[in-house]
Amino acid sequence: MVEMNRIDLIEDGSGGLWAEARDLHAFIGIDRGYEEWLDDTILNPSHGFIEGVDYEVYLDGSTKEYYISRIMTGDLAMMAHGEQRGREARIHMAKGERI
């Protein structure tokens, strides 16, 4: 597992802020693999996340990269079951800050 000290936010042309899902996974320190976490959270229909609204998918070669909205980033951090890094991510995403 890769430990990260911050999550970079990317601003789109309309002022929206986005984060790479892979970065959030590493920052919070999820103990499951990235693909499993992705299937259980972002891609799980029971959570109600909507492609094009909550997240965007881009191809980087043969790899799909998921960019998640600032609001979704906070939602996913809350789903981290109170882990300290999840709490830290929620606070910063609520403020729209890079962490």
Protein backbone atom coordinates (compact mmCIF):
# COMPACT_ATOMS: atom_id res chain seq x y z
CA MET A 1 0.00 0.00 0.00
CA VAL A 2 1.22 3.49 -0.89
CA GLU A 3 0.99 6.12 1.82
CA MET A 4 0.12 9.60 0.67
CA ASN A 5 0.34 12.87 2.55
CA ARG A 6 -2.11 14.85 0.42
CA ILE A 7 -4.80 14.70 -2.21
CA ASP A 8 -4.49 17.12 -5.10
CA LEU A 9 -7.71 18.68 -6.34
CA ILE A 10 -8.06 19.47 -10.02
CA GLU A 11 -10.26 22.38 -11.08
CA ASP A 12 -12.35 21.92 -14.21
CA GLY A 13 -13.33 24.71 -16.58
CA SER A 14 -16.51 25.52 -14.64
CA GLY A 15 -14.91 25.78 -11.20
CA GLY A 16 -15.67 22.23 -10.05
CA LEU A 17 -13.04 20.44 -7.96
CA TRP A 18 -12.10 16.81 -8.62
CA ALA A 19 -9.74 14.27 -7.07
CA GLU A 20 -8.33 11.03 -8.40
CA ALA A 21 -10.07 8.10 -6.75
CA ARG A 22 -6.74 6.25 -6.61
CA ASP A 23 -5.27 9.12 -4.55
CA LEU A 24 -8.16 9.07 -2.06
CA HIS A 25 -7.79 5.30 -1.67
CA ALA A 26 -4.08 5.67 -0.92
CA PHE A 27 -4.54 8.71 1.34
CA ILE A 28 -7.14 7.09 3.59
CA GLY A 29 -5.12 3.86 3.71
CA ILE A 30 -7.94 1.49 2.74
CA ASP A 31 -6.81 -2.05 3.57
CA ARG A 32 -8.52 -3.55 0.50
CA GLY A 33 -7.07 -3.36 -2.97
CA TYR A 34 -8.02 -0.40 -5.13
CA GLU A 35 -10.11 -2.40 -7.63
CA GLU A 36 -12.12 -4.10 -4.88
CA TRP A 37 -12.71 -0.78 -3.12
CA LEU A 38 -13.76 0.79 -6.43
CA ASP A 39 -16.31 -1.98 -7.05
CA ASP A 40 -17.66 -1.71 -3.48
CA THR A 41 -17.99 2.08 -3.48
CA ILE A 42 -17.96 4.11 -6.68
CA LEU A 43 -19.33 1.41 -8.97
CA ASN A 44 -21.81 -0.08 -6.49
CA PRO A 45 -25.30 0.97 -7.64
CA SER A 46 -26.64 0.86 -4.07
CA HIS A 47 -24.63 4.02 -3.24
CA GLY A 48 -26.34 5.99 -6.01
CA PHE A 49 -23.25 7.62 -7.49
CA ILE A 50 -23.80 8.82 -11.06
CA GLU A 51 -21.17 8.86 -13.78
CA GLY A 52 -20.92 12.32 -15.30
CA VAL A 53 -22.19 13.94 -12.09
CA ASP A 54 -20.31 12.40 -9.16
CA TYR A 55 -17.41 10.93 -11.10
CA GLU A 56 -15.80 10.85 -14.53
CA VAL A 57 -13.90 8.00 -16.14
CA TYR A 58 -10.93 8.56 -18.43
CA LEU A 59 -8.76 6.06 -20.25
CA ASP A 60 -5.04 6.34 -19.63
CA GLY A 61 -3.73 3.80 -22.10
CA SER A 62 -5.53 0.62 -21.10
CA THR A 63 -6.22 1.82 -17.55
CA LYS A 64 -9.43 3.49 -16.46
CA GLU A 65 -8.84 6.45 -14.17
CA TYR A 66 -11.70 7.67 -11.99
CA TYR A 67 -11.98 11.33 -11.05
CA ILE A 68 -14.44 12.04 -8.27
CA SER A 69 -16.14 15.29 -7.36
CA ARG A 70 -15.17 17.12 -4.19
CA ILE A 71 -18.55 16.22 -2.68
CA MET A 72 -18.19 12.55 -3.60
CA THR A 73 -14.68 12.56 -2.15
CA GLY A 74 -16.18 13.64 1.19
CA ASP A 75 -18.89 10.97 0.91
CA LEU A 76 -16.32 8.25 0.26
CA ALA A 77 -14.18 9.49 3.14
CA MET A 78 -17.21 9.16 5.45
CA MET A 79 -17.66 5.60 4.22
CA ALA A 80 -14.13 4.84 5.50
CA HIS A 81 -15.74 4.10 8.90
CA GLY A 82 -14.14 6.85 10.92
CA GLU A 83 -10.51 6.11 10.16
CA GLN A 84 -8.43 9.17 11.11
CA ARG A 85 -7.29 9.84 7.57
CA GLY A 86 -10.91 9.56 6.38
CA ARG A 87 -11.89 12.24 8.89
CA GLU A 88 -9.03 14.47 7.76
CA ALA A 89 -10.06 14.06 4.12
CA ARG A 90 -13.71 14.90 4.93
CA ILE A 91 -12.76 18.13 6.70
CA HIS A 92 -10.54 19.36 3.89
CA MET A 93 -12.98 18.38 1.13
CA ALA A 94 -15.77 20.24 2.93
CA LYS A 95 -13.58 23.33 2.85
CA GLY A 96 -12.56 22.71 -0.78
CA GLU A 97 -8.91 22.59 0.17
CA ARG A 98 -6.11 20.50 -1.19
CA ILE A 99 -4.71 18.18 1.44
